Amino acid sequence: GTYEVTVKGNLTIHGETNEIETTGTFTIANGAISASSTLDIAVADYKISIPKVVRDNIAKIVSITVDMNYELFKKKS
């Protein structure tokens, strides 16, 4: 089935760690598990330095998408 979940944890970028919480989806089907989530982060929260020359052309908020697939394999006998 497909399950809506809340995901909470720490995100570290360039040595700067912040606690995040977002929603995601787990899907279990045919011996495989997949998960997906999208979250928005503020670049300033991670102290990412942007040169002045391009600062006005870079988004202040960026979107991160996570997709994970895990397949269970049975050992052959």
Protein backbone atom coordinates (compact mmCIF):
# COMPACT_ATOMS: atom_id res chain seq x y z
CA GLY A 1 0.00 0.00 0.00
CA THR A 2 0.88 3.67 0.01
CA TYR A 3 1.31 5.54 3.28
CA GLU A 4 1.62 9.25 4.00
CA VAL A 5 4.25 9.87 6.69
CA THR A 6 5.86 12.72 8.57
CA VAL A 7 9.64 12.69 8.32
CA LYS A 8 11.72 14.42 10.98
CA GLY A 9 15.49 14.56 11.25
CA ASN A 10 18.64 16.58 10.83
CA LEU A 11 19.82 17.98 7.51
CA THR A 12 23.48 18.97 7.23
CA ILE A 13 24.77 21.09 4.35
CA HIS A 14 28.30 22.53 4.33
CA GLY A 15 28.71 21.60 8.00
CA GLU A 16 25.58 23.49 9.11
CA THR A 17 22.91 21.25 10.68
CA ASN A 18 19.22 22.10 11.14
CA GLU A 19 16.31 19.99 12.29
CA ILE A 20 13.71 19.56 9.57
CA GLU A 21 10.22 18.11 9.40
CA THR A 22 8.28 17.42 6.22
CA THR A 23 5.79 14.98 4.73
CA GLY A 24 6.54 12.05 2.47
CA THR A 25 5.12 8.89 0.98
CA PHE A 26 6.13 5.25 1.48
CA THR A 27 4.93 2.69 -1.05
CA ILE A 28 5.24 -1.05 -0.47
CA ALA A 29 4.56 -3.30 -3.46
CA ASN A 30 5.93 -6.47 -5.03
CA GLY A 31 8.69 -6.95 -2.45
CA ALA A 32 9.99 -3.40 -2.82
CA ILE A 33 9.76 -0.27 -0.72
CA SER A 34 9.94 3.20 -2.22
CA ALA A 35 9.81 6.57 -0.53
CA SER A 36 9.64 10.12 -1.76
CA SER A 37 9.58 13.56 -0.22
CA THR A 38 10.12 17.17 -1.21
CA LEU A 39 11.14 19.95 1.15
CA ASP A 40 12.04 23.59 0.83
CA ILE A 41 15.01 25.07 2.67
CA ALA A 42 16.27 28.61 3.07
CA VAL A 43 19.82 28.97 1.75
CA ALA A 44 20.60 31.39 4.59
CA ASP A 45 19.78 28.71 7.20
CA TYR A 46 22.81 26.75 6.01
CA LYS A 47 25.19 29.71 5.79
CA ILE A 48 25.83 29.09 2.10
CA SER A 49 27.77 32.07 0.82
CA ILE A 50 26.73 33.40 -2.57
CA PRO A 51 29.01 35.87 -4.36
CA LYS A 52 27.49 39.37 -4.69
CA VAL A 53 27.80 39.29 -8.46
CA VAL A 54 25.15 36.51 -8.73
CA ARG A 55 23.29 36.97 -5.42
CA ASP A 56 20.20 38.51 -7.07
CA ASN A 57 19.99 35.61 -9.55
CA ILE A 58 20.04 32.80 -6.97
CA ALA A 59 16.89 31.59 -5.21
CA LYS A 60 16.67 32.31 -1.48
CA ILE A 61 14.59 29.15 -1.03
CA VAL A 62 15.54 25.90 -2.77
CA SER A 63 13.56 22.73 -3.16
CA ILE A 64 15.10 19.33 -2.37
CA THR A 65 13.51 16.15 -3.73
CA VAL A 66 14.36 12.75 -2.26
CA ASP A 67 13.46 9.48 -4.00
CA MET A 68 14.49 6.12 -2.55
CA ASN A 69 13.94 2.58 -3.82
CA TYR A 70 14.77 -0.52 -1.84
CA GLU A 71 14.25 -3.94 -3.34
CA LEU A 72 14.31 -7.11 -1.29
CA PHE A 73 16.15 -9.96 -2.97
CA LYS A 74 15.76 -13.56 -1.96
CA LYS A 75 18.94 -15.61 -1.74
CA LYS A 76 19.04 -18.39 -4.29
CA SER A 77 19.42 -21.85 -2.84
